[in-house]
């Protein structure tokens, strides 16, 4: 699934995306550009609590439409 998410990182070299080091960026871009399959992957990879913490942090770069849907999707 990481390969699918790499398409959201047009500004970095392919194969250099690090899920641990770039966790916040992966979550934000996946929420903004991803589909339900990639959303499910970040939920499994990082956990709903981590995702909700990023969603609810100020100035996170998540589009309002994505944030509203993500709050429903990742809420327990």
PDB file of N, CA and C in Angstrom:
ATOM      1  N   UNK A   1       0.825  -1.198   0.000  1.00  0.00           N
ATOM      2  CA  UNK A   1       0.000   0.000   0.000  1.00  0.00           C
ATOM      3  C   UNK A   1       0.869   1.262   0.000  1.00  0.00           C
ATOM      4  N   UNK A   2       2.061   1.163   0.564  1.00  0.00           N
ATOM      5  CA  UNK A   2       2.945   2.325   0.587  1.00  0.00           C
ATOM      6  C   UNK A   2       3.227   2.825  -0.824  1.00  0.00           C
ATOM      7  N   UNK A   3       3.317   1.924  -1.776  1.00  0.00           N
ATOM      8  CA  UNK A   3       3.551   2.315  -3.169  1.00  0.00           C
ATOM      9  C   UNK A   3       2.407   3.188  -3.685  1.00  0.00           C
ATOM     10  N   UNK A   4       1.171   2.853  -3.318  1.00  0.00           N
ATOM     11  CA  UNK A   4       0.017   3.652  -3.739  1.00  0.00           C
ATOM     12  C   UNK A   4       0.076   5.040  -3.122  1.00  0.00           C
ATOM     13  N   UNK A   5       0.513   5.127  -1.886  1.00  0.00           N
ATOM     14  CA  UNK A   5       0.587   6.409  -1.191  1.00  0.00           C
ATOM     15  C   UNK A   5       1.721   7.261  -1.744  1.00  0.00           C
ATOM     16  N   UNK A   6       2.752   6.643  -2.264  1.00  0.00           N
ATOM     17  CA  UNK A   6       3.862   7.402  -2.850  1.00  0.00           C
ATOM     18  C   UNK A   6       3.397   8.314  -3.983  1.00  0.00           C
ATOM     19  N   UNK A   7       2.298   7.984  -4.633  1.00  0.00           N
ATOM     20  CA  UNK A   7       1.809   8.836  -5.719  1.00  0.00           C
ATOM     21  C   UNK A   7       1.364  10.203  -5.204  1.00  0.00           C
ATOM     22  N   UNK A   8       1.076  10.320  -3.922  1.00  0.00           N
ATOM     23  CA  UNK A   8       0.680  11.607  -3.332  1.00  0.00           C
ATOM     24  C   UNK A   8       1.895  12.477  -3.017  1.00  0.00           C
ATOM     25  N   UNK A   9       3.074  11.912  -3.166  1.00  0.00           N
ATOM     26  CA  UNK A   9       4.321  12.627  -2.876  1.00  0.00           C
ATOM     27  C   UNK A   9       5.085  12.852  -4.177  1.00  0.00           C
ATOM     28  N   UNK A  10       4.519  13.697  -5.018  1.00  0.00           N
ATOM     29  CA  UNK A  10       5.115  14.007  -6.306  1.00  0.00           C
ATOM     30  C   UNK A  10       6.403  14.815  -6.159  1.00  0.00           C
ATOM     31  N   UNK A  11       6.640  15.350  -4.959  1.00  0.00           N
ATOM     32  CA  UNK A  11       7.787  16.227  -4.739  1.00  0.00           C
ATOM     33  C   UNK A  11       8.993  15.520  -4.124  1.00  0.00           C
ATOM     34  N   UNK A  12       8.908  14.218  -3.934  1.00  0.00           N
ATOM     35  CA  UNK A  12      10.063  13.482  -3.405  1.00  0.00           C
ATOM     36  C   UNK A  12      10.393  12.315  -4.330  1.00  0.00           C
ATOM     37  N   UNK A  13      11.607  11.843  -4.220  1.00  0.00           N
ATOM     38  CA  UNK A  13      12.080  10.732  -5.046  1.00  0.00           C
ATOM     39  C   UNK A  13      11.362   9.442  -4.648  1.00  0.00           C
ATOM     40  N   UNK A  14      10.936   8.683  -5.639  1.00  0.00           N
ATOM     41  CA  UNK A  14      10.264   7.403  -5.400  1.00  0.00           C
ATOM     42  C   UNK A  14      11.164   6.476  -4.593  1.00  0.00           C
ATOM     43  N   UNK A  15      10.569   5.761  -3.670  1.00  0.00           N
ATOM     44  CA  UNK A  15      11.302   4.805  -2.862  1.00  0.00           C
ATOM     45  C   UNK A  15      11.970   5.391  -1.627  1.00  0.00           C
ATOM     46  N   UNK A  16      11.815   6.697  -1.409  1.00  0.00           N
ATOM     47  CA  UNK A  16      12.460   7.314  -0.249  1.00  0.00           C
ATOM     48  C   UNK A  16      11.474   7.662   0.865  1.00  0.00           C
ATOM     49  N   UNK A  17      10.210   7.350   0.678  1.00  0.00           N
ATOM     50  CA  UNK A  17       9.197   7.654   1.684  1.00  0.00           C
ATOM     51  C   UNK A  17       9.364   6.725   2.881  1.00  0.00           C
ATOM     52  N   UNK A  18       9.487   7.313   4.057  1.00  0.00           N
ATOM     53  CA  UNK A  18       9.692   6.549   5.292  1.00  0.00           C
ATOM     54  C   UNK A  18       8.451   6.681   6.169  1.00  0.00           C
ATOM     55  N   UNK A  19       7.696   5.582   6.355  1.00  0.00           N
ATOM     56  CA  UNK A  19       6.447   5.655   7.112  1.00  0.00           C
ATOM     57  C   UNK A  19       6.611   6.101   8.562  1.00  0.00           C
ATOM     58  N   UNK A  20       7.758   5.885   9.146  1.00  0.00           N
ATOM     59  CA  UNK A  20       7.973   6.316  10.532  1.00  0.00           C
ATOM     60  C   UNK A  20       8.409   7.776  10.593  1.00  0.00           C
ATOM     61  N   UNK A  21       9.366   8.150   9.772  1.00  0.00           N
ATOM     62  CA  UNK A  21       9.907   9.504   9.790  1.00  0.00           C
ATOM     63  C   UNK A  21       8.923  10.528   9.229  1.00  0.00           C
ATOM     64  N   UNK A  22       8.100  10.129   8.280  1.00  0.00           N
ATOM     65  CA  UNK A  22       7.198  11.058   7.602  1.00  0.00           C
ATOM     66  C   UNK A  22       5.735  10.757   7.906  1.00  0.00           C
ATOM     67  N   UNK A  23       5.492  10.262   9.103  1.00  0.00           N
ATOM     68  CA  UNK A  23       4.154   9.844   9.510  1.00  0.00           C
ATOM     69  C   UNK A  23       3.122  10.959   9.333  1.00  0.00           C
ATOM     70  N   UNK A  24       3.404  12.128   9.859  1.00  0.00           N
ATOM     71  CA  UNK A  24       2.441  13.229   9.796  1.00  0.00           C
ATOM     72  C   UNK A  24       2.136  13.611   8.352  1.00  0.00           C
ATOM     73  N   UNK A  25       3.160  13.726   7.529  1.00  0.00           N
ATOM     74  CA  UNK A  25       2.961  14.090   6.132  1.00  0.00           C
ATOM     75  C   UNK A  25       2.172  13.020   5.381  1.00  0.00           C
ATOM     76  N   UNK A  26       2.450  11.757   5.680  1.00  0.00           N
ATOM     77  CA  UNK A  26       1.719  10.662   5.040  1.00  0.00           C
ATOM     78  C   UNK A  26       0.250  10.733   5.415  1.00  0.00           C
ATOM     79  N   UNK A  27      -0.040  10.936   6.670  1.00  0.00           N
ATOM     80  CA  UNK A  27      -1.436  11.013   7.113  1.00  0.00           C
ATOM     81  C   UNK A  27      -2.140  12.192   6.451  1.00  0.00           C
ATOM     82  N   UNK A  28      -1.521  13.357   6.457  1.00  0.00           N
ATOM     83  CA  UNK A  28      -2.154  14.551   5.891  1.00  0.00           C
ATOM     84  C   UNK A  28      -2.411  14.386   4.397  1.00  0.00           C
ATOM     85  N   UNK A  29      -1.420  13.952   3.659  1.00  0.00           N
ATOM     86  CA  UNK A  29      -1.617  13.814   2.206  1.00  0.00           C
ATOM     87  C   UNK A  29      -2.598  12.702   1.871  1.00  0.00           C
ATOM     88  N   UNK A  30      -2.583  11.638   2.650  1.00  0.00           N
ATOM     89  CA  UNK A  30      -3.533  10.557   2.394  1.00  0.00           C
ATOM     90  C   UNK A  30      -4.951  11.027   2.655  1.00  0.00           C
ATOM     91  N   UNK A  31      -5.147  11.802   3.713  1.00  0.00           N
ATOM     92  CA  UNK A  31      -6.484  12.336   3.977  1.00  0.00           C
ATOM     93  C   UNK A  31      -6.927  13.291   2.874  1.00  0.00           C
ATOM     94  N   UNK A  32      -6.018  14.088   2.367  1.00  0.00           N
ATOM     95  CA  UNK A  32      -6.373  15.059   1.328  1.00  0.00           C
ATOM     96  C   UNK A  32      -6.554  14.437  -0.056  1.00  0.00           C
ATOM     97  N   UNK A  33      -5.775  13.422  -0.388  1.00  0.00           N
ATOM     98  CA  UNK A  33      -5.763  12.908  -1.758  1.00  0.00           C
ATOM     99  C   UNK A  33      -6.127  11.429  -1.887  1.00  0.00           C
ATOM    100  N   UNK A  34      -6.230  10.733  -0.773  1.00  0.00           N
ATOM    101  CA  UNK A  34      -6.418   9.289  -0.813  1.00  0.00           C
ATOM    102  C   UNK A  34      -7.848   8.845  -1.047  1.00  0.00           C
ATOM    103  N   UNK A  35      -7.987   7.537  -1.112  1.00  0.00           N
ATOM    104  CA  UNK A  35      -9.301   6.917  -1.243  1.00  0.00           C
ATOM    105  C   UNK A  35      -9.549   6.064   0.006  1.00  0.00           C
ATOM    106  N   UNK A  36     -10.665   5.375   0.053  1.00  0.00           N
ATOM    107  CA  UNK A  36     -10.991   4.609   1.259  1.00  0.00           C
ATOM    108  C   UNK A  36      -9.975   3.508   1.551  1.00  0.00           C
ATOM    109  N   UNK A  37      -9.397   2.928   0.520  1.00  0.00           N
ATOM    110  CA  UNK A  37      -8.393   1.882   0.737  1.00  0.00           C
ATOM    111  C   UNK A  37      -7.143   2.450   1.410  1.00  0.00           C
ATOM    112  N   UNK A  38      -6.698   3.617   0.978  1.00  0.00           N
ATOM    113  CA  UNK A  38      -5.510   4.208   1.590  1.00  0.00           C
ATOM    114  C   UNK A  38      -5.836   4.769   2.977  1.00  0.00           C
ATOM    115  N   UNK A  39      -7.062   5.241   3.169  1.00  0.00           N
ATOM    116  CA  UNK A  39      -7.480   5.672   4.507  1.00  0.00           C
ATOM    117  C   UNK A  39      -7.463   4.479   5.463  1.00  0.00           C
ATOM    118  N   UNK A  40      -7.949   3.330   5.006  1.00  0.00           N
ATOM    119  CA  UNK A  40      -7.938   2.127   5.849  1.00  0.00           C
ATOM    120  C   UNK A  40      -6.500   1.715   6.172  1.00  0.00           C
ATOM    121  N   UNK A  41      -5.600   1.877   5.217  1.00  0.00           N
ATOM    122  CA  UNK A  41      -4.198   1.527   5.453  1.00  0.00           C
ATOM    123  C   UNK A  41      -3.580   2.415   6.525  1.00  0.00           C
ATOM    124  N   UNK A  42      -3.808   3.737   6.471  1.00  0.00           N
ATOM    125  CA  UNK A  42      -3.219   4.591   7.505  1.00  0.00           C
ATOM    126  C   UNK A  42      -3.843   4.311   8.869  1.00  0.00           C
ATOM    127  N   UNK A  43      -5.112   3.911   8.890  1.00  0.00           N
ATOM    128  CA  UNK A  43      -5.749   3.551  10.167  1.00  0.00           C
ATOM    129  C   UNK A  43      -5.058   2.332  10.768  1.00  0.00           C
ATOM    130  N   UNK A  44      -4.757   1.358   9.928  1.00  0.00           N
ATOM    131  CA  UNK A  44      -4.078   0.148  10.392  1.00  0.00           C
ATOM    132  C   UNK A  44      -2.625   0.444  10.768  1.00  0.00           C
ATOM    133  N   UNK A  45      -1.976   1.272   9.982  1.00  0.00           N
ATOM    134  CA  UNK A  45      -0.557   1.570  10.183  1.00  0.00           C
ATOM    135  C   UNK A  45      -0.309   2.452  11.411  1.00  0.00           C
ATOM    136  N   UNK A  46      -1.148   3.462  11.605  1.00  0.00           N
ATOM    137  CA  UNK A  46      -0.885   4.451  12.648  1.00  0.00           C
ATOM    138  C   UNK A  46      -1.900   4.465  13.790  1.00  0.00           C
ATOM    139  N   UNK A  47      -3.063   3.919  13.579  1.00  0.00           N
ATOM    140  CA  UNK A  47      -4.097   3.915  14.604  1.00  0.00           C
ATOM    141  C   UNK A  47      -4.986   5.146  14.528  1.00  0.00           C
ATOM    142  N   UNK A  48      -6.238   4.952  14.869  1.00  0.00           N
ATOM    143  CA  UNK A  48      -7.212   6.043  14.778  1.00  0.00           C
ATOM    144  C   UNK A  48      -6.873   7.195  15.707  1.00  0.00           C
ATOM    145  N   UNK A  49      -6.372   6.903  16.889  1.00  0.00           N
ATOM    146  CA  UNK A  49      -6.038   7.952  17.840  1.00  0.00           C
ATOM    147  C   UNK A  49      -4.983   8.897  17.311  1.00  0.00           C
ATOM    148  N   UNK A  50      -3.958   8.356  16.686  1.00  0.00           N
ATOM    149  CA  UNK A  50      -2.885   9.174  16.103  1.00  0.00           C
ATOM    150  C   UNK A  50      -3.417  10.039  14.968  1.00  0.00           C
ATOM    151  N   UNK A  51      -4.269   9.461  14.158  1.00  0.00           N
ATOM    152  CA  UNK A  51      -4.844  10.206  13.035  1.00  0.00           C
ATOM    153  C   UNK A  51      -5.737  11.330  13.542  1.00  0.00           C
ATOM    154  N   UNK A  52      -6.588  11.043  14.519  1.00  0.00           N
ATOM    155  CA  UNK A  52      -7.465  12.074  15.074  1.00  0.00           C
ATOM    156  C   UNK A  52      -6.670  13.193  15.730  1.00  0.00           C
ATOM    157  N   UNK A  53      -5.561  12.867  16.364  1.00  0.00           N
ATOM    158  CA  UNK A  53      -4.716  13.896  16.971  1.00  0.00           C
ATOM    159  C   UNK A  53      -4.184  14.850  15.907  1.00  0.00           C
ATOM    160  N   UNK A  54      -3.786  14.316  14.769  1.00  0.00           N
ATOM    161  CA  UNK A  54      -3.294  15.159  13.677  1.00  0.00           C
ATOM    162  C   UNK A  54      -4.437  15.957  13.060  1.00  0.00           C
ATOM    163  N   UNK A  55      -5.584  15.327  12.876  1.00  0.00           N
ATOM    164  CA  UNK A  55      -6.747  16.024  12.320  1.00  0.00           C
ATOM    165  C   UNK A  55      -7.134  17.217  13.186  1.00  0.00           C
ATOM    166  N   UNK A  56      -7.093  17.035  14.480  1.00  0.00           N
ATOM    167  CA  UNK A  56      -7.549  18.067  15.402  1.00  0.00           C
ATOM    168  C   UNK A  56      -6.464  19.056  15.817  1.00  0.00           C
ATOM    169  N   UNK A  57      -5.252  18.892  15.298  1.00  0.00           N
ATOM    170  CA  UNK A  57      -4.198  19.857  15.603  1.00  0.00           C
ATOM    171  C   UNK A  57      -4.391  21.100  14.726  1.00  0.00           C
ATOM    172  N   UNK A  58      -4.026  22.269  15.250  1.00  0.00           N
ATOM    173  CA  UNK A  58      -4.221  23.495  14.460  1.00  0.00           C
ATOM    174  C   UNK A  58      -3.266  23.562  13.270  1.00  0.00           C
ATOM    175  N   UNK A  59      -3.719  24.195  12.237  1.00  0.00           N
ATOM    176  CA  UNK A  59      -2.907  24.465  11.041  1.00  0.00           C
ATOM    177  C   UNK A  59      -2.211  23.218  10.506  1.00  0.00           C
ATOM    178  N   UNK A  60      -2.993  22.190  10.281  1.00  0.00           N
ATOM    179  CA  UNK A  60      -2.422  20.911   9.875  1.00  0.00           C
ATOM    180  C   UNK A  60      -2.364  20.711   8.362  1.00  0.00           C
ATOM    181  N   UNK A  61      -2.992  21.573   7.596  1.00  0.00           N
ATOM    182  CA  UNK A  61      -2.956  21.442   6.143  1.00  0.00           C
ATOM    183  C   UNK A  61      -3.984  20.502   5.564  1.00  0.00           C
ATOM    184  N   UNK A  62      -4.891  20.022   6.385  1.00  0.00           N
ATOM    185  CA  UNK A  62      -5.935  19.123   5.892  1.00  0.00           C
ATOM    186  C   UNK A  62      -7.105  19.973   5.405  1.00  0.00           C
ATOM    187  N   UNK A  63      -7.565  19.676   4.209  1.00  0.00           N
ATOM    188  CA  UNK A  63      -8.702  20.412   3.650  1.00  0.00           C
ATOM    189  C   UNK A  63      -9.937  20.188   4.512  1.00  0.00           C
ATOM    190  N   UNK A  64     -10.782  21.189   4.618  1.00  0.00           N
ATOM    191  CA  UNK A  64     -11.953  21.138   5.492  1.00  0.00           C
ATOM    192  C   UNK A  64     -12.871  19.962   5.140  1.00  0.00           C
ATOM    193  N   UNK A  65     -13.040  19.692   3.848  1.00  0.00           N
ATOM    194  CA  UNK A  65     -13.896  18.572   3.430  1.00  0.00           C
ATOM    195  C   UNK A  65     -13.310  17.245   3.892  1.00  0.00           C
ATOM    196  N   UNK A  66     -12.006  17.112   3.757  1.00  0.00           N
ATOM    197  CA  UNK A  66     -11.324  15.887   4.186  1.00  0.00           C
ATOM    198  C   UNK A  66     -11.395  15.744   5.699  1.00  0.00           C
ATOM    199  N   UNK A  67     -11.227  16.850   6.400  1.00  0.00           N
ATOM    200  CA  UNK A  67     -11.265  16.832   7.861  1.00  0.00           C
ATOM    201  C   UNK A  67     -12.633  16.409   8.365  1.00  0.00           C
ATOM    202  N   UNK A  68     -13.688  16.925   7.769  1.00  0.00           N
ATOM    203  CA  UNK A  68     -15.040  16.577   8.196  1.00  0.00           C
ATOM    204  C   UNK A  68     -15.317  15.091   7.984  1.00  0.00           C
ATOM    205  N   UNK A  69     -14.970  14.574   6.824  1.00  0.00           N
ATOM    206  CA  UNK A  69     -15.184  13.149   6.551  1.00  0.00           C
ATOM    207  C   UNK A  69     -14.295  12.277   7.428  1.00  0.00           C
ATOM    208  N   UNK A  70     -13.054  12.687   7.624  1.00  0.00           N
ATOM    209  CA  UNK A  70     -12.128  11.903   8.446  1.00  0.00           C
ATOM    210  C   UNK A  70     -12.591  11.833   9.895  1.00  0.00           C
ATOM    211  N   UNK A  71     -13.163  12.908  10.416  1.00  0.00           N
ATOM    212  CA  UNK A  71     -13.680  12.875  11.781  1.00  0.00           C
ATOM    213  C   UNK A  71     -14.779  11.835  11.931  1.00  0.00           C
ATOM    214  N   UNK A  72     -15.571  11.643  10.891  1.00  0.00           N
ATOM    215  CA  UNK A  72     -16.618  10.606  10.918  1.00  0.00           C
ATOM    216  C   UNK A  72     -15.978   9.219  10.749  1.00  0.00           C
ATOM    217  N   UNK A  73     -15.100   9.083   9.774  1.00  0.00           N
ATOM    218  CA  UNK A  73     -14.490   7.802   9.432  1.00  0.00           C
ATOM    219  C   UNK A  73     -13.639   7.230  10.559  1.00  0.00           C
ATOM    220  N   UNK A  74     -12.883   8.078  11.237  1.00  0.00           N
ATOM    221  CA  UNK A  74     -11.943   7.598  12.250  1.00  0.00           C
ATOM    222  C   UNK A  74     -12.471   7.702  13.674  1.00  0.00           C
ATOM    223  N   UNK A  75     -13.668   8.208  13.855  1.00  0.00           N
ATOM    224  CA  UNK A  75     -14.226   8.317  15.196  1.00  0.00           C
ATOM    225  C   UNK A  75     -14.613   6.933  15.694  1.00  0.00           C
ATOM    226  N   UNK A  76     -14.356   6.696  16.963  1.00  0.00           N
ATOM    227  CA  UNK A  76     -14.701   5.377  17.555  1.00  0.00           C
ATOM    228  C   UNK A  76     -16.166   5.230  17.787  1.00  0.00           C
TER     229      UNK A  76
END
